[in-house]
Amino acid sequence: MAKVCNSTPLDVSFRRSLVGQNLRDWNQIVSSILDLNLTQDPDTFIWSLNSNGQFSVKSMYAALINNGIRVSQEIWQTKLPTKIKVFMWYLKKGVILTKDNLAKRNWHGDRACSLCHVNESIQHLFLDCAYAKFLWRLVHCVFDLTKPTTIAELFDQWCGGGGSKYKTCLLTAAAALWSTIWLSRNEVVFDKCKPKTFLRVLFRGTF
């Protein structure tokens, strides 16, 4: 490293000439190390985003936000148990282990929904299953809110249906409904229970 940096131009040769984007990338690398000063001291890692040189999640988060990356906060700002927030985050990302996602991991079991026997997917289980439709129908009747058509629509648009003032409340209500469906489904799958009645699922969700 010292031999390379102590020569002008840098003591680096390439088997092929650099052109176009490769040349621009190389010039950027060279310019970034022009002010590099080598000493005999041991190497140390310094986190440039913090004044004390130490890594912190806060500094990384601030750097991401300042560079225009949009980080969704609506889930983490709700007053819910952490495990429910994580569940909702997984649901938003589409990685909840419904049977279609398990099949993508080479699982070869029965792909039918445990509640209504249609092929299980995130879209089906939480929006299109008979149990989900029943719960969303009640939401429509009580609050005059139309059921979201997709998971993405719920997070991006549906929760704002009552105005920004009620966005967190609506997301909390959706979390209650979806976690209820997920728990009811898992009882059938893992505990070999019979599916609960619609009213018992509703009671669990509202409780």
N, C-alpha and C. Protein backbone atom coordinates (compact mmCIF):
# COMPACT_ATOMS: atom_id res chain seq x y z
N MET A 1 0.83 -1.20 0.00
CA MET A 1 0.00 0.00 0.00
C MET A 1 0.87 1.25 0.00
N ALA A 2 1.90 1.26 0.85
CA ALA A 2 2.79 2.42 0.92
C ALA A 2 3.49 2.66 -0.41
N LYS A 3 3.93 1.58 -1.06
CA LYS A 3 4.61 1.71 -2.35
C LYS A 3 3.68 2.31 -3.39
N VAL A 4 2.44 1.89 -3.36
CA VAL A 4 1.47 2.39 -4.34
C VAL A 4 1.18 3.86 -4.11
N CYS A 5 0.93 4.23 -2.85
CA CYS A 5 0.47 5.59 -2.55
C CYS A 5 1.60 6.62 -2.56
N ASN A 6 2.84 6.19 -2.41
CA ASN A 6 3.95 7.14 -2.34
C ASN A 6 4.52 7.49 -3.71
N SER A 7 3.90 7.03 -4.76
CA SER A 7 4.35 7.35 -6.11
C SER A 7 3.30 8.19 -6.83
N THR A 8 3.78 9.06 -7.73
CA THR A 8 2.88 9.90 -8.51
C THR A 8 3.21 9.76 -9.99
N PRO A 9 2.32 9.25 -10.83
CA PRO A 9 0.99 8.74 -10.46
C PRO A 9 1.09 7.45 -9.66
N LEU A 10 -0.04 6.95 -9.21
CA LEU A 10 -0.02 5.74 -8.39
C LEU A 10 0.64 4.59 -9.13
N ASP A 11 1.38 3.81 -8.36
CA ASP A 11 2.11 2.68 -8.95
C ASP A 11 1.16 1.51 -9.18
N VAL A 12 0.25 1.69 -10.13
CA VAL A 12 -0.75 0.67 -10.46
C VAL A 12 -0.82 0.55 -11.97
N SER A 13 -0.82 -0.65 -12.46
CA SER A 13 -0.94 -0.88 -13.90
C SER A 13 -2.06 -1.88 -14.17
N PHE A 14 -2.66 -1.77 -15.33
CA PHE A 14 -3.77 -2.64 -15.71
C PHE A 14 -3.42 -3.35 -17.01
N ARG A 15 -3.88 -4.56 -17.16
CA ARG A 15 -3.61 -5.32 -18.37
C ARG A 15 -4.36 -4.75 -19.57
N ARG A 16 -5.50 -4.07 -19.27
CA ARG A 16 -6.28 -3.45 -20.33
C ARG A 16 -6.48 -1.98 -20.01
N SER A 17 -6.63 -1.17 -21.04
CA SER A 17 -6.87 0.26 -20.84
C SER A 17 -8.25 0.48 -20.24
N LEU A 18 -8.32 1.44 -19.33
CA LEU A 18 -9.60 1.78 -18.73
C LEU A 18 -10.29 2.83 -19.60
N VAL A 19 -11.55 2.58 -19.91
CA VAL A 19 -12.33 3.52 -20.72
C VAL A 19 -13.73 3.65 -20.12
N GLY A 20 -14.40 4.71 -20.48
CA GLY A 20 -15.79 4.88 -20.08
C GLY A 20 -15.98 4.91 -18.57
N GLN A 21 -17.00 4.15 -18.11
CA GLN A 21 -17.35 4.14 -16.69
C GLN A 21 -16.21 3.58 -15.84
N ASN A 22 -15.49 2.60 -16.36
CA ASN A 22 -14.36 2.05 -15.60
C ASN A 22 -13.30 3.11 -15.32
N LEU A 23 -13.03 3.96 -16.30
CA LEU A 23 -12.05 5.03 -16.10
C LEU A 23 -12.55 6.05 -15.09
N ARG A 24 -13.84 6.38 -15.18
CA ARG A 24 -14.41 7.34 -14.22
C ARG A 24 -14.38 6.78 -12.80
N ASP A 25 -14.69 5.51 -12.66
CA ASP A 25 -14.64 4.88 -11.33
C ASP A 25 -13.21 4.89 -10.78
N TRP A 26 -12.24 4.62 -11.63
CA TRP A 26 -10.85 4.61 -11.19
C TRP A 26 -10.40 6.00 -10.76
N ASN A 27 -10.78 7.02 -11.53
CA ASN A 27 -10.43 8.39 -11.17
C ASN A 27 -11.05 8.79 -9.84
N GLN A 28 -12.26 8.29 -9.57
CA GLN A 28 -12.92 8.59 -8.30
C GLN A 28 -12.18 7.94 -7.14
N ILE A 29 -11.71 6.72 -7.35
CA ILE A 29 -10.94 6.03 -6.31
C ILE A 29 -9.64 6.78 -6.04
N VAL A 30 -8.97 7.20 -7.10
CA VAL A 30 -7.69 7.91 -6.94
C VAL A 30 -7.90 9.21 -6.18
N SER A 31 -8.95 9.96 -6.55
CA SER A 31 -9.20 11.25 -5.88
C SER A 31 -9.55 11.06 -4.41
N SER A 32 -10.14 9.92 -4.08
CA SER A 32 -10.55 9.70 -2.68
C SER A 32 -9.37 9.39 -1.76
N ILE A 33 -8.21 9.00 -2.34
CA ILE A 33 -7.06 8.67 -1.50
C ILE A 33 -5.90 9.65 -1.66
N LEU A 34 -6.16 10.77 -2.34
CA LEU A 34 -5.08 11.74 -2.55
C LEU A 34 -4.55 12.30 -1.23
N ASP A 35 -5.46 12.49 -0.27
CA ASP A 35 -5.06 13.08 1.02
C ASP A 35 -4.74 12.02 2.06
N LEU A 36 -4.53 10.80 1.63
CA LEU A 36 -4.23 9.71 2.57
C LEU A 36 -2.80 9.84 3.08
N ASN A 37 -2.64 9.88 4.40
CA ASN A 37 -1.32 9.95 5.02
C ASN A 37 -1.03 8.66 5.76
N LEU A 38 0.05 8.00 5.38
CA LEU A 38 0.42 6.74 6.00
C LEU A 38 1.39 6.97 7.15
N THR A 39 1.16 6.22 8.24
CA THR A 39 2.05 6.29 9.40
C THR A 39 2.42 4.88 9.81
N GLN A 40 3.26 4.79 10.82
CA GLN A 40 3.66 3.48 11.34
C GLN A 40 2.73 2.97 12.44
N ASP A 41 1.71 3.74 12.75
CA ASP A 41 0.77 3.33 13.80
C ASP A 41 -0.06 2.15 13.34
N PRO A 42 -0.56 1.33 14.28
CA PRO A 42 -1.43 0.21 13.92
C PRO A 42 -2.71 0.72 13.25
N ASP A 43 -3.25 -0.07 12.34
CA ASP A 43 -4.49 0.30 11.67
C ASP A 43 -5.66 0.27 12.65
N THR A 44 -6.56 1.21 12.50
CA THR A 44 -7.78 1.25 13.32
C THR A 44 -8.97 1.56 12.42
N PHE A 45 -10.13 1.08 12.82
CA PHE A 45 -11.35 1.38 12.09
C PHE A 45 -11.98 2.65 12.66
N ILE A 46 -12.36 3.58 11.78
CA ILE A 46 -12.99 4.83 12.19
C ILE A 46 -14.29 4.98 11.41
N TRP A 47 -15.39 5.17 12.15
CA TRP A 47 -16.71 5.37 11.53
C TRP A 47 -16.87 6.86 11.24
N SER A 48 -16.78 7.21 9.95
CA SER A 48 -16.75 8.62 9.55
C SER A 48 -18.07 9.35 9.77
N LEU A 49 -19.16 8.62 10.01
CA LEU A 49 -20.46 9.26 10.19
C LEU A 49 -20.69 9.73 11.62
N ASN A 50 -19.74 9.43 12.52
CA ASN A 50 -19.83 9.85 13.91
C ASN A 50 -18.59 10.63 14.28
N SER A 51 -18.75 11.71 15.03
CA SER A 51 -17.61 12.55 15.39
C SER A 51 -16.60 11.82 16.26
N ASN A 52 -17.07 10.82 17.04
CA ASN A 52 -16.15 10.07 17.90
C ASN A 52 -15.54 8.86 17.20
N GLY A 53 -15.89 8.67 15.93
CA GLY A 53 -15.32 7.56 15.17
C GLY A 53 -15.91 6.20 15.47
N GLN A 54 -16.95 6.16 16.33
CA GLN A 54 -17.57 4.89 16.71
C GLN A 54 -18.88 4.69 15.94
N PHE A 55 -19.12 3.43 15.55
CA PHE A 55 -20.35 3.13 14.84
C PHE A 55 -21.56 3.24 15.75
N SER A 56 -22.66 3.76 15.19
CA SER A 56 -23.93 3.76 15.90
C SER A 56 -25.04 3.61 14.87
N VAL A 57 -26.09 2.93 15.25
CA VAL A 57 -27.23 2.75 14.35
C VAL A 57 -27.86 4.10 14.02
N LYS A 58 -27.89 5.01 15.01
CA LYS A 58 -28.48 6.33 14.82
C LYS A 58 -27.79 7.08 13.69
N SER A 59 -26.46 7.06 13.67
CA SER A 59 -25.72 7.79 12.63
C SER A 59 -25.96 7.16 11.26
N MET A 60 -26.06 5.84 11.21
CA MET A 60 -26.32 5.17 9.94
C MET A 60 -27.72 5.51 9.45
N TYR A 61 -28.68 5.51 10.36
CA TYR A 61 -30.06 5.83 10.01
C TYR A 61 -30.15 7.26 9.48
N ALA A 62 -29.48 8.20 10.17
CA ALA A 62 -29.50 9.60 9.73
C ALA A 62 -28.88 9.76 8.35
N ALA A 63 -27.81 9.01 8.08
CA ALA A 63 -27.16 9.09 6.77
C ALA A 63 -28.09 8.58 5.67
N LEU A 64 -28.82 7.52 5.95
CA LEU A 64 -29.76 6.98 4.97
C LEU A 64 -30.88 7.97 4.68
N ILE A 65 -31.45 8.56 5.75
CA ILE A 65 -32.54 9.51 5.58
C ILE A 65 -32.07 10.74 4.81
N ASN A 66 -30.89 11.23 5.14
CA ASN A 66 -30.37 12.44 4.48
C ASN A 66 -30.04 12.21 3.02
N ASN A 67 -29.90 10.95 2.62
CA ASN A 67 -29.62 10.63 1.23
C ASN A 67 -30.88 10.23 0.45
N GLY A 68 -32.03 10.52 1.04
CA GLY A 68 -33.28 10.36 0.31
C GLY A 68 -33.92 8.99 0.39
N ILE A 69 -33.39 8.11 1.22
CA ILE A 69 -33.99 6.78 1.36
C ILE A 69 -35.20 6.88 2.28
N ARG A 70 -36.34 6.40 1.81
CA ARG A 70 -37.57 6.48 2.59
C ARG A 70 -37.69 5.28 3.52
N VAL A 71 -37.74 5.56 4.82
CA VAL A 71 -37.88 4.50 5.81
C VAL A 71 -39.26 4.61 6.44
N SER A 72 -40.07 3.58 6.27
CA SER A 72 -41.43 3.60 6.78
C SER A 72 -41.42 3.45 8.30
N GLN A 73 -42.17 4.34 8.96
CA GLN A 73 -42.19 4.33 10.42
C GLN A 73 -43.55 3.98 11.00
N GLU A 74 -44.58 3.85 10.14
CA GLU A 74 -45.92 3.73 10.69
C GLU A 74 -46.08 2.50 11.57
N ILE A 75 -45.43 1.40 11.22
CA ILE A 75 -45.55 0.18 12.01
C ILE A 75 -44.90 0.36 13.38
N TRP A 76 -43.70 0.93 13.40
CA TRP A 76 -42.92 1.00 14.64
C TRP A 76 -43.45 2.05 15.59
N GLN A 77 -44.30 2.97 15.11
CA GLN A 77 -44.85 4.01 15.98
C GLN A 77 -46.15 3.60 16.65
N THR A 78 -46.69 2.46 16.26
CA THR A 78 -47.92 2.00 16.89
C THR A 78 -47.63 1.45 18.29
N LYS A 79 -48.61 1.57 19.16
CA LYS A 79 -48.46 1.08 20.53
C LYS A 79 -48.92 -0.37 20.58
N LEU A 80 -48.03 -1.24 20.09
CA LEU A 80 -48.30 -2.67 20.02
C LEU A 80 -47.11 -3.42 20.58
N PRO A 81 -47.32 -4.67 21.03
CA PRO A 81 -46.17 -5.49 21.45
C PRO A 81 -45.18 -5.64 20.31
N THR A 82 -43.91 -5.74 20.65
CA THR A 82 -42.87 -5.82 19.63
C THR A 82 -43.09 -6.99 18.68
N LYS A 83 -43.53 -8.12 19.22
CA LYS A 83 -43.73 -9.29 18.35
C LYS A 83 -44.81 -9.04 17.30
N ILE A 84 -45.81 -8.21 17.64
CA ILE A 84 -46.85 -7.89 16.66
C ILE A 84 -46.30 -6.92 15.62
N LYS A 85 -45.47 -5.98 16.05
CA LYS A 85 -44.84 -5.06 15.09
C LYS A 85 -43.97 -5.83 14.11
N VAL A 86 -43.20 -6.79 14.61
CA VAL A 86 -42.35 -7.60 13.74
C VAL A 86 -43.21 -8.41 12.78
N PHE A 87 -44.31 -8.97 13.29
CA PHE A 87 -45.24 -9.72 12.45
C PHE A 87 -45.78 -8.85 11.31
N MET A 88 -46.17 -7.63 11.63
CA MET A 88 -46.70 -6.72 10.61
C MET A 88 -45.62 -6.33 9.60
N TRP A 89 -44.40 -6.17 10.08
CA TRP A 89 -43.28 -5.83 9.18
C TRP A 89 -43.04 -6.98 8.20
N TYR A 90 -43.03 -8.21 8.71
CA TYR A 90 -42.88 -9.38 7.84
C TYR A 90 -44.02 -9.47 6.84
N LEU A 91 -45.21 -9.16 7.32
CA LEU A 91 -46.38 -9.21 6.45
C LEU A 91 -46.25 -8.18 5.33
N LYS A 92 -45.82 -6.99 5.66
CA LYS A 92 -45.64 -5.94 4.66
C LYS A 92 -44.60 -6.34 3.63
N LYS A 93 -43.54 -7.02 4.08
CA LYS A 93 -42.48 -7.44 3.18
C LYS A 93 -42.83 -8.72 2.41
N GLY A 94 -43.95 -9.35 2.78
CA GLY A 94 -44.38 -10.55 2.05
C GLY A 94 -43.60 -11.79 2.39
N VAL A 95 -43.04 -11.87 3.60
CA VAL A 95 -42.21 -13.02 3.95
C VAL A 95 -42.81 -13.88 5.07
N ILE A 96 -44.07 -13.60 5.46
CA ILE A 96 -44.73 -14.48 6.42
C ILE A 96 -44.78 -15.89 5.82
N LEU A 97 -44.54 -16.89 6.67
CA LEU A 97 -44.42 -18.26 6.16
C LEU A 97 -45.78 -18.92 5.95
N THR A 98 -46.54 -18.33 5.03
CA THR A 98 -47.72 -19.01 4.54
C THR A 98 -47.26 -20.16 3.63
N LYS A 99 -48.17 -21.03 3.25
CA LYS A 99 -47.76 -22.26 2.57
C LYS A 99 -47.15 -22.01 1.20
N ASP A 100 -47.56 -20.93 0.52
CA ASP A 100 -46.93 -20.64 -0.77
C ASP A 100 -45.47 -20.23 -0.59
N ASN A 101 -45.18 -19.49 0.50
CA ASN A 101 -43.79 -19.11 0.77
C ASN A 101 -42.97 -20.32 1.22
N LEU A 102 -43.60 -21.23 1.95
CA LEU A 102 -42.90 -22.45 2.34
C LEU A 102 -42.55 -23.29 1.11
N ALA A 103 -43.47 -23.30 0.15
CA ALA A 103 -43.23 -24.07 -1.07
C ALA A 103 -42.02 -23.53 -1.84
N LYS A 104 -41.80 -22.23 -1.75
CA LYS A 104 -40.63 -21.63 -2.41
C LYS A 104 -39.33 -22.09 -1.76
N ARG A 105 -39.44 -22.62 -0.54
CA ARG A 105 -38.27 -23.14 0.18
C ARG A 105 -38.21 -24.67 0.10
N ASN A 106 -38.84 -25.20 -0.92
CA ASN A 106 -38.83 -26.65 -1.18
C ASN A 106 -39.61 -27.46 -0.17
N TRP A 107 -40.61 -26.83 0.45
CA TRP A 107 -41.54 -27.56 1.32
C TRP A 107 -42.59 -28.22 0.42
N HIS A 108 -42.95 -29.48 0.71
CA HIS A 108 -43.82 -30.24 -0.17
C HIS A 108 -45.12 -30.68 0.51
N GLY A 109 -45.55 -29.95 1.51
CA GLY A 109 -46.79 -30.32 2.19
C GLY A 109 -48.03 -29.84 1.45
N ASP A 110 -49.18 -30.07 2.09
CA ASP A 110 -50.47 -29.66 1.53
C ASP A 110 -50.55 -28.13 1.52
N ARG A 111 -50.80 -27.54 0.36
CA ARG A 111 -50.79 -26.08 0.22
C ARG A 111 -52.16 -25.46 0.45
N ALA A 112 -53.14 -26.26 0.85
CA ALA A 112 -54.50 -25.74 1.05
C ALA A 112 -54.57 -24.93 2.33
N CYS A 113 -55.37 -23.88 2.30
CA CYS A 113 -55.61 -23.06 3.49
C CYS A 113 -56.27 -23.92 4.56
N SER A 114 -55.80 -23.79 5.78
CA SER A 114 -56.32 -24.60 6.88
C SER A 114 -57.70 -24.17 7.33
N LEU A 115 -58.14 -23.00 6.88
CA LEU A 115 -59.43 -22.48 7.31
C LEU A 115 -60.52 -22.69 6.27
N CYS A 116 -60.13 -22.70 4.97
CA CYS A 116 -61.18 -22.82 3.95
C CYS A 116 -60.77 -23.69 2.76
N HIS A 117 -59.55 -24.24 2.77
CA HIS A 117 -59.10 -25.23 1.80
C HIS A 117 -58.80 -24.70 0.39
N VAL A 118 -58.74 -23.40 0.21
CA VAL A 118 -58.21 -22.82 -1.03
C VAL A 118 -56.70 -22.69 -0.84
N ASN A 119 -55.93 -22.73 -1.92
CA ASN A 119 -54.48 -22.61 -1.80
C ASN A 119 -54.10 -21.37 -0.99
N GLU A 120 -53.25 -21.60 0.01
CA GLU A 120 -52.92 -20.54 0.96
C GLU A 120 -51.81 -19.63 0.44
N SER A 121 -52.03 -18.34 0.55
CA SER A 121 -51.03 -17.32 0.27
C SER A 121 -51.30 -16.16 1.23
N ILE A 122 -50.41 -15.21 1.28
CA ILE A 122 -50.63 -14.04 2.14
C ILE A 122 -51.89 -13.30 1.70
N GLN A 123 -52.02 -13.08 0.40
CA GLN A 123 -53.20 -12.39 -0.13
C GLN A 123 -54.47 -13.13 0.25
N HIS A 124 -54.46 -14.45 0.09
CA HIS A 124 -55.66 -15.23 0.39
C HIS A 124 -55.98 -15.21 1.88
N LEU A 125 -54.99 -15.57 2.71
CA LEU A 125 -55.25 -15.77 4.13
C LEU A 125 -55.73 -14.49 4.81
N PHE A 126 -55.15 -13.35 4.48
CA PHE A 126 -55.44 -12.12 5.22
C PHE A 126 -56.46 -11.20 4.55
N LEU A 127 -56.84 -11.53 3.31
CA LEU A 127 -57.81 -10.67 2.63
C LEU A 127 -58.95 -11.44 1.96
N ASP A 128 -58.65 -12.60 1.38
CA ASP A 128 -59.64 -13.27 0.55
C ASP A 128 -60.27 -14.51 1.17
N CYS A 129 -59.69 -15.02 2.24
CA CYS A 129 -60.25 -16.18 2.94
C CYS A 129 -61.62 -15.80 3.52
N ALA A 130 -62.49 -16.77 3.69
CA ALA A 130 -63.83 -16.51 4.22
C ALA A 130 -63.76 -15.83 5.59
N TYR A 131 -62.81 -16.23 6.42
CA TYR A 131 -62.65 -15.62 7.74
C TYR A 131 -62.24 -14.16 7.61
N ALA A 132 -61.28 -13.90 6.72
CA ALA A 132 -60.82 -12.53 6.51
C ALA A 132 -61.94 -11.66 5.95
N LYS A 133 -62.70 -12.20 5.00
CA LYS A 133 -63.79 -11.43 4.40
C LYS A 133 -64.85 -11.08 5.45
N PHE A 134 -65.10 -12.02 6.36
CA PHE A 134 -66.08 -11.77 7.43
C PHE A 134 -65.63 -10.61 8.31
N LEU A 135 -64.35 -10.62 8.71
CA LEU A 135 -63.85 -9.56 9.58
C LEU A 135 -63.81 -8.21 8.86
N TRP A 136 -63.38 -8.23 7.61
CA TRP A 136 -63.33 -6.97 6.87
C TRP A 136 -64.72 -6.44 6.56
N ARG A 137 -65.69 -7.34 6.41
CA ARG A 137 -67.07 -6.90 6.18
C ARG A 137 -67.59 -6.16 7.41
N LEU A 138 -67.26 -6.64 8.58
CA LEU A 138 -67.67 -5.96 9.80
C LEU A 138 -67.00 -4.59 9.92
N VAL A 139 -65.73 -4.52 9.52
CA VAL A 139 -65.03 -3.23 9.53
C VAL A 139 -65.77 -2.24 8.62
N HIS A 140 -66.19 -2.74 7.47
CA HIS A 140 -66.90 -1.87 6.53
C HIS A 140 -68.24 -1.40 7.11
N CYS A 141 -68.96 -2.32 7.74
CA CYS A 141 -70.27 -1.98 8.29
C CYS A 141 -70.17 -1.00 9.45
N VAL A 142 -69.16 -1.18 10.30
CA VAL A 142 -69.04 -0.35 11.50
C VAL A 142 -68.38 0.99 11.21
N PHE A 143 -67.33 0.97 10.38
CA PHE A 143 -66.53 2.19 10.16
C PHE A 143 -66.67 2.76 8.76
N ASP A 144 -67.45 2.10 7.90
CA ASP A 144 -67.64 2.55 6.53
C ASP A 144 -66.31 2.65 5.77
N LEU A 145 -65.43 1.67 6.00
CA LEU A 145 -64.14 1.62 5.32
C LEU A 145 -64.11 0.40 4.41
N THR A 146 -63.84 0.63 3.15
CA THR A 146 -63.79 -0.45 2.18
C THR A 146 -62.55 -1.31 2.41
N LYS A 147 -62.70 -2.61 2.30
CA LYS A 147 -61.59 -3.54 2.49
C LYS A 147 -60.47 -3.24 1.51
N PRO A 148 -59.22 -3.21 1.97
CA PRO A 148 -58.10 -3.06 1.03
C PRO A 148 -58.03 -4.26 0.10
N THR A 149 -57.61 -4.04 -1.14
CA THR A 149 -57.55 -5.13 -2.10
C THR A 149 -56.23 -5.89 -2.05
N THR A 150 -55.18 -5.25 -1.52
CA THR A 150 -53.87 -5.89 -1.40
C THR A 150 -53.23 -5.48 -0.08
N ILE A 151 -52.21 -6.22 0.32
CA ILE A 151 -51.46 -5.87 1.53
C ILE A 151 -50.80 -4.52 1.35
N ALA A 152 -50.22 -4.29 0.18
CA ALA A 152 -49.54 -3.02 -0.08
C ALA A 152 -50.50 -1.85 0.02
N GLU A 153 -51.73 -2.04 -0.46
CA GLU A 153 -52.71 -0.96 -0.40
C GLU A 153 -53.04 -0.59 1.03
N LEU A 154 -53.11 -1.58 1.91
CA LEU A 154 -53.42 -1.27 3.30
C LEU A 154 -52.37 -0.37 3.91
N PHE A 155 -51.09 -0.70 3.70
CA PHE A 155 -50.03 0.09 4.31
C PHE A 155 -49.85 1.44 3.62
N ASP A 156 -50.10 1.50 2.31
CA ASP A 156 -49.82 2.73 1.57
C ASP A 156 -51.00 3.69 1.51
N GLN A 157 -52.24 3.14 1.54
CA GLN A 157 -53.40 4.01 1.33
C GLN A 157 -54.51 3.81 2.36
N TRP A 158 -54.88 2.56 2.62
CA TRP A 158 -56.06 2.28 3.43
C TRP A 158 -55.98 2.91 4.82
N CYS A 159 -54.82 2.85 5.44
CA CYS A 159 -54.69 3.37 6.80
C CYS A 159 -54.89 4.88 6.87
N GLY A 160 -54.80 5.55 5.73
CA GLY A 160 -55.06 6.99 5.71
C GLY A 160 -56.50 7.32 5.37
N GLY A 161 -57.35 6.29 5.28
CA GLY A 161 -58.73 6.52 4.90
C GLY A 161 -59.51 7.36 5.89
N GLY A 162 -59.11 7.33 7.15
CA GLY A 162 -59.79 8.14 8.14
C GLY A 162 -59.07 9.44 8.43
N GLY A 163 -58.08 9.77 7.58
CA GLY A 163 -57.28 10.96 7.82
C GLY A 163 -56.03 10.62 8.62
N SER A 164 -55.04 11.48 8.55
CA SER A 164 -53.77 11.21 9.22
C SER A 164 -53.94 11.05 10.72
N LYS A 165 -54.96 11.69 11.30
CA LYS A 165 -55.20 11.62 12.74
C LYS A 165 -55.46 10.19 13.20
N TYR A 166 -56.09 9.39 12.33
CA TYR A 166 -56.50 8.03 12.71
C TYR A 166 -55.66 6.94 12.05
N LYS A 167 -54.59 7.32 11.36
CA LYS A 167 -53.80 6.35 10.62
C LYS A 167 -53.24 5.26 11.53
N THR A 168 -52.67 5.66 12.66
CA THR A 168 -52.09 4.69 13.58
C THR A 168 -53.17 3.80 14.18
N CYS A 169 -54.34 4.38 14.47
CA CYS A 169 -55.44 3.59 15.02
C CYS A 169 -55.91 2.53 14.04
N LEU A 170 -56.01 2.90 12.77
CA LEU A 170 -56.45 1.95 11.76
C LEU A 170 -55.43 0.85 11.55
N LEU A 171 -54.16 1.20 11.59
CA LEU A 171 -53.12 0.18 11.45
C LEU A 171 -53.15 -0.77 12.64
N THR A 172 -53.40 -0.24 13.84
CA THR A 172 -53.50 -1.08 15.03
C THR A 172 -54.68 -2.05 14.91
N ALA A 173 -55.79 -1.54 14.38
CA ALA A 173 -56.97 -2.40 14.19
C ALA A 173 -56.67 -3.50 13.18
N ALA A 174 -55.98 -3.15 12.09
CA ALA A 174 -55.62 -4.16 11.09
C ALA A 174 -54.69 -5.20 11.70
N ALA A 175 -53.77 -4.75 12.55
CA ALA A 175 -52.85 -5.68 13.21
C ALA A 175 -53.62 -6.67 14.08
N ALA A 176 -54.65 -6.18 14.76
CA ALA A 176 -55.46 -7.06 15.62
C ALA A 176 -56.17 -8.11 14.78
N LEU A 177 -56.75 -7.69 13.66
CA LEU A 177 -57.46 -8.63 12.80
C LEU A 177 -56.52 -9.66 12.19
N TRP A 178 -55.40 -9.20 11.66
CA TRP A 178 -54.48 -10.10 10.97
C TRP A 178 -53.78 -11.05 11.93
N SER A 179 -53.40 -10.56 13.10
CA SER A 179 -52.75 -11.46 14.05
C SER A 179 -53.74 -12.49 14.56
N THR A 180 -55.01 -12.11 14.66
CA THR A 180 -56.05 -13.06 15.06
C THR A 180 -56.20 -14.17 14.02
N ILE A 181 -56.24 -13.79 12.76
CA ILE A 181 -56.33 -14.79 11.69
C ILE A 181 -55.10 -15.70 11.71
N TRP A 182 -53.93 -15.12 11.90
CA TRP A 182 -52.69 -15.90 11.92
C TRP A 182 -52.66 -16.88 13.08
N LEU A 183 -53.08 -16.43 14.27
CA LEU A 183 -53.11 -17.31 15.44
C LEU A 183 -54.13 -18.43 15.25
N SER A 184 -55.28 -18.10 14.70
CA SER A 184 -56.32 -19.11 14.46
C SER A 184 -55.85 -20.13 13.45
N ARG A 185 -55.18 -19.67 12.42
CA ARG A 185 -54.63 -20.57 11.41
C ARG A 185 -53.58 -21.48 12.02
N ASN A 186 -52.68 -20.93 12.84
CA ASN A 186 -51.59 -21.72 13.43
C ASN A 186 -52.10 -22.76 14.41
N GLU A 187 -53.20 -22.47 15.09
CA GLU A 187 -53.79 -23.47 15.99
C GLU A 187 -54.26 -24.69 15.22
N VAL A 188 -54.81 -24.46 14.05
CA VAL A 188 -55.26 -25.58 13.22
C VAL A 188 -54.07 -26.36 12.68
N VAL A 189 -53.04 -25.63 12.23
CA VAL A 189 -51.88 -26.27 11.62
C VAL A 189 -51.04 -27.04 12.64
N PHE A 190 -50.72 -26.40 13.75
CA PHE A 190 -49.75 -26.97 14.69
C PHE A 190 -50.40 -27.72 15.86
N ASP A 191 -51.57 -27.25 16.30
CA ASP A 191 -52.22 -27.90 17.44
C ASP A 191 -53.32 -28.87 17.01
N LYS A 192 -53.53 -28.96 15.71
CA LYS A 192 -54.53 -29.87 15.15
C LYS A 192 -55.93 -29.60 15.68
N CYS A 193 -56.22 -28.31 15.95
CA CYS A 193 -57.55 -27.93 16.41
C CYS A 193 -58.49 -27.75 15.22
N LYS A 194 -59.76 -27.82 15.49
CA LYS A 194 -60.73 -27.51 14.46
C LYS A 194 -60.80 -25.99 14.29
N PRO A 195 -61.06 -25.50 13.08
CA PRO A 195 -61.17 -24.05 12.89
C PRO A 195 -62.25 -23.46 13.79
N LYS A 196 -61.96 -22.33 14.38
CA LYS A 196 -62.93 -21.66 15.23
C LYS A 196 -64.07 -21.08 14.39
N THR A 197 -65.18 -20.81 15.03
CA THR A 197 -66.29 -20.17 14.34
C THR A 197 -65.93 -18.72 14.04
N PHE A 198 -66.65 -18.12 13.12
CA PHE A 198 -66.39 -16.72 12.77
C PHE A 198 -66.51 -15.82 14.00
N LEU A 199 -67.52 -16.08 14.82
CA LEU A 199 -67.74 -15.23 15.99
C LEU A 199 -66.63 -15.36 17.02
N ARG A 200 -66.07 -16.55 17.18
CA ARG A 200 -64.98 -16.73 18.12
C ARG A 200 -63.71 -16.04 17.63
N VAL A 201 -63.50 -16.07 16.32
CA VAL A 201 -62.37 -15.33 15.76
C VAL A 201 -62.56 -13.83 15.95
N LEU A 202 -63.78 -13.36 15.73
CA LEU A 202 -64.09 -11.95 15.93
C LEU A 202 -63.87 -11.56 17.39
N PHE A 203 -64.31 -12.40 18.33
CA PHE A 203 -64.14 -12.09 19.75
C PHE A 203 -62.66 -11.98 20.11
N ARG A 204 -61.87 -12.90 19.58
CA ARG A 204 -60.44 -12.85 19.87
C ARG A 204 -59.83 -11.55 19.33
N GLY A 205 -60.21 -11.18 18.12
CA GLY A 205 -59.64 -9.96 17.52
C GLY A 205 -60.03 -8.69 18.27
N THR A 206 -61.29 -8.59 18.65
CA THR A 206 -61.73 -7.37 19.36
C THR A 206 -61.23 -7.36 20.79
N PHE A 207 -61.02 -8.54 21.37
CA PHE A 207 -60.50 -8.59 22.74
C PHE A 207 -59.07 -8.08 22.79
